[in-house]
Amino acid sequence: MLKIALCDDEPGQRSLTGGLLREYMEQRPSLAARLTVVSSGEELLEQAEAEGGFDLYVLDVIMPELSGIDVGVKLRELGSDAPIIYLTTSPDYAV
């Protein structure tokens, strides 16, 4: 089972991205994936500890308290080597 975590503090973006991920998973039933959606970096770190980590992280860059970058650093410090995909609506952090 592929465990995917999505973390975004903005409800609209969380809903949009979560919907796209769910649609992708539904179109690939053999993928056997499960999506966990949270609204803060702190919540994600708690879930990661409770779940024993995730196989893929999709993180919003700009969030209050812990940014997505901060969360990524903490995940690496905890020993996770799972891929991290960073998302943002800010042109300051885009390619």
Protein backbone atom coordinates (compact mmCIF):
# COMPACT_ATOMS: atom_id res chain seq x y z
CA MET A 1 0.00 0.00 0.00
CA LEU A 2 1.41 3.35 -1.10
CA LYS A 3 0.87 5.94 1.65
CA ILE A 4 0.66 9.53 0.42
CA ALA A 5 0.47 12.59 2.68
CA LEU A 6 -0.84 15.96 1.51
CA CYS A 7 -0.27 19.02 3.71
CA ASP A 8 -1.71 22.42 2.80
CA ASP A 9 -3.11 25.10 5.09
CA GLU A 10 -5.44 26.62 2.46
CA PRO A 11 -8.76 24.71 2.28
CA GLY A 12 -9.32 25.45 -1.42
CA GLN A 13 -5.86 24.31 -2.48
CA ARG A 14 -6.05 21.30 -0.17
CA SER A 15 -9.37 20.32 -1.75
CA LEU A 16 -8.10 20.87 -5.30
CA THR A 17 -4.85 18.97 -4.85
CA GLY A 18 -6.50 16.22 -2.81
CA GLY A 19 -9.14 15.82 -5.53
CA LEU A 20 -6.49 15.49 -8.23
CA LEU A 21 -4.58 12.91 -6.21
CA ARG A 22 -7.76 10.93 -5.50
CA GLU A 23 -8.72 11.03 -9.19
CA TYR A 24 -5.26 9.75 -10.13
CA MET A 25 -5.56 6.90 -7.61
CA GLU A 26 -9.08 5.98 -8.74
CA GLN A 27 -7.91 5.71 -12.34
CA ARG A 28 -5.20 3.28 -11.22
CA PRO A 29 -6.87 0.76 -8.89
CA SER A 30 -3.86 -1.54 -9.04
CA LEU A 31 -1.80 1.23 -7.40
CA ALA A 32 -3.37 0.47 -3.99
CA ALA A 33 -2.71 3.90 -2.51
CA ARG A 34 -4.12 5.75 0.48
CA LEU A 35 -4.17 9.52 0.89
CA THR A 36 -3.92 11.31 4.23
CA VAL A 37 -4.76 15.03 4.13
CA VAL A 38 -3.75 17.47 6.88
CA SER A 39 -3.78 21.25 7.27
CA SER A 40 -0.57 21.99 9.17
CA GLY A 41 3.03 20.91 9.37
CA GLU A 42 2.65 19.99 13.00
CA GLU A 43 -0.30 17.73 12.19
CA LEU A 44 1.66 16.10 9.38
CA LEU A 45 4.60 15.33 11.65
CA GLU A 46 2.23 13.79 14.22
CA GLN A 47 0.55 11.68 11.52
CA ALA A 48 3.91 10.61 10.10
CA GLU A 49 4.97 9.41 13.53
CA ALA A 50 1.65 7.62 14.10
CA GLU A 51 1.70 6.01 10.63
CA GLY A 52 5.36 5.07 10.69
CA GLY A 53 5.98 7.58 7.89
CA PHE A 54 4.62 7.96 4.37
CA ASP A 55 5.92 6.89 0.98
CA LEU A 56 5.33 10.30 -0.62
CA TYR A 57 4.85 13.79 0.81
CA VAL A 58 3.09 16.64 -1.02
CA LEU A 59 3.76 19.84 0.95
CA ASP A 60 2.66 23.44 0.56
CA VAL A 61 5.71 25.68 0.84
CA ILE A 62 4.06 28.61 2.63
CA MET A 63 2.23 27.73 5.85
CA PRO A 64 2.06 29.40 9.27
CA GLU A 65 4.19 28.02 12.08
CA LEU A 66 6.17 25.37 10.13
CA SER A 67 6.61 26.00 6.41
CA GLY A 68 6.68 23.08 4.01
CA ILE A 69 10.45 23.50 3.79
CA ASP A 70 10.73 23.29 7.60
CA VAL A 71 8.56 20.17 7.59
CA GLY A 72 10.73 18.60 4.89
CA VAL A 73 13.86 19.27 6.94
CA LYS A 74 12.26 17.71 10.03
CA LEU A 75 11.17 14.66 8.03
CA ARG A 76 14.75 14.18 6.85
CA GLU A 77 16.02 14.60 10.42
CA LEU A 78 13.60 11.85 11.46
CA GLY A 79 15.19 9.58 8.86
CA SER A 80 12.58 9.72 6.11
CA ASP A 81 13.97 9.39 2.60
CA ALA A 82 10.54 9.45 0.93
CA PRO A 83 10.16 11.82 -2.03
CA ILE A 84 8.82 15.28 -1.22
CA ILE A 85 6.87 17.33 -3.75
CA TYR A 86 6.60 21.02 -2.88
CA LEU A 87 3.63 23.05 -4.08
CA THR A 88 3.05 26.80 -3.95
CA THR A 89 0.82 29.47 -5.40
CA SER A 90 3.50 32.08 -4.70
CA PRO A 91 5.64 33.24 -7.64
CA ASP A 92 8.42 33.91 -5.11
CA TYR A 93 8.97 30.17 -4.69
CA ALA A 94 8.13 28.95 -8.17
CA VAL A 95 10.80 27.74 -10.57
